[in-house]
Amino acid sequence: MTEEKLIKILKYVIVLGLCLLLLGHYLLEYANLPEKMGVTGMVISASCIAFGLILSLPTKMYLTFVLVKRENDKKKQKKENTN
C-alpha cells in the first residue's frame, strides 16, 4: 500500500469517527433517544460516541506520525540532493 493511499484511508476513518461522534451527540441531546427507548437508547448513543472516539483519536495520532515521517524524509532527501 502506498503512502498516499494510506493517508487517504486514514482521513476517511477520521471523518467516519467524527460523524459517529456527532451522531451519538445528536441521538443523546436532540433526538431524545434515551427518553424514548430508555436504557437501550443510552447504550446506542454511548456506543456511537465510543466507536467514534475509537476511530478518530488513534487514527489522528498515527496519521500525524506518518505525515511527520514523510516530511522528515523529504527534508533528508532535499538535504542529500543539495550536497
Protein backbone atom coordinates (compact mmCIF):
# COMPACT_ATOMS: atom_id res chain seq x y z
CA MET A 1 0.00 0.00 0.00
CA THR A 2 1.41 3.33 -0.97
CA GLU A 3 1.77 6.17 1.47
CA GLU A 4 -0.74 8.32 -0.41
CA LYS A 5 -3.37 5.59 -0.26
CA LEU A 6 -2.73 5.01 3.45
CA ILE A 7 -3.10 8.72 4.21
CA LYS A 8 -6.34 8.86 2.23
CA ILE A 9 -7.78 5.85 4.10
CA LEU A 10 -6.77 7.33 7.46
CA LYS A 11 -8.50 10.59 6.62
CA TYR A 12 -11.69 8.71 5.74
CA VAL A 13 -11.55 6.82 9.04
CA ILE A 14 -11.13 10.09 10.94
CA VAL A 15 -14.18 11.57 9.18
CA LEU A 16 -16.19 8.42 9.92
CA GLY A 17 -15.20 8.64 13.60
CA LEU A 18 -16.21 12.28 13.80
CA CYS A 19 -19.53 11.51 12.12
CA LEU A 20 -20.20 8.78 14.69
CA LEU A 21 -19.38 11.21 17.48
CA LEU A 22 -21.81 13.75 16.08
CA LEU A 23 -24.47 11.09 15.56
CA GLY A 24 -24.13 9.94 19.16
CA HIS A 25 -24.39 13.51 20.41
CA TYR A 26 -27.43 14.13 18.22
CA LEU A 27 -29.17 10.98 19.45
CA LEU A 28 -28.44 11.90 23.04
CA GLU A 29 -29.33 15.58 23.02
CA TYR A 30 -31.74 16.35 20.19
CA ALA A 31 -33.50 13.10 19.29
CA ASN A 32 -34.07 12.32 22.99
CA LEU A 33 -33.39 8.67 22.31
CA PRO A 34 -32.77 7.78 25.97
CA GLU A 35 -36.16 9.21 26.93
CA LYS A 36 -37.92 7.30 24.16
CA MET A 37 -36.10 3.97 24.44
CA GLY A 38 -34.75 4.03 27.99
CA VAL A 39 -31.52 2.20 28.70
CA THR A 40 -31.33 0.85 25.15
CA GLY A 41 -31.32 4.41 23.79
CA MET A 42 -28.49 5.33 26.13
CA VAL A 43 -26.49 2.30 25.04
CA ILE A 44 -26.99 3.12 21.35
CA SER A 45 -25.93 6.76 21.85
CA ALA A 46 -22.95 5.83 24.01
CA SER A 47 -21.88 3.16 21.51
CA CYS A 48 -21.87 5.68 18.68
CA ILE A 49 -19.76 8.07 20.74
CA ALA A 50 -17.39 5.31 21.89
CA PHE A 51 -16.81 3.93 18.39
CA GLY A 52 -16.35 7.47 17.09
CA LEU A 53 -13.62 8.08 19.67
CA ILE A 54 -12.02 4.71 18.93
CA LEU A 55 -11.89 5.50 15.22
CA SER A 56 -10.86 9.13 15.37
CA LEU A 57 -8.29 9.57 18.16
CA PRO A 58 -5.75 6.79 17.47
CA THR A 59 -6.09 7.41 13.74
CA LYS A 60 -5.20 11.07 14.21
CA MET A 61 -2.10 10.11 16.16
CA TYR A 62 -1.00 7.56 13.55
CA LEU A 63 -1.70 9.98 10.70
CA THR A 64 0.40 12.61 12.47
CA PHE A 65 3.29 10.14 12.78
CA VAL A 66 3.02 9.21 9.08
CA LEU A 67 2.96 12.84 7.97
CA VAL A 68 5.90 13.82 10.23
CA LYS A 69 7.92 10.86 8.94
CA ARG A 70 7.07 11.82 5.37
CA GLU A 71 8.13 15.43 5.99
CA ASN A 72 11.42 14.33 7.57
CA ASP A 73 12.14 12.01 4.66
CA LYS A 74 11.54 14.85 2.20
CA LYS A 75 13.85 17.17 4.16
CA LYS A 76 16.51 14.46 4.33
CA GLN A 77 16.24 13.78 0.60
CA LYS A 78 16.40 17.50 -0.18
CA LYS A 79 19.48 17.89 2.03
CA GLU A 80 21.19 14.94 0.30
CA ASN A 81 20.43 16.39 -3.13
CA THR A 82 21.99 19.75 -2.23
CA ASN A 83 25.26 18.12 -1.09
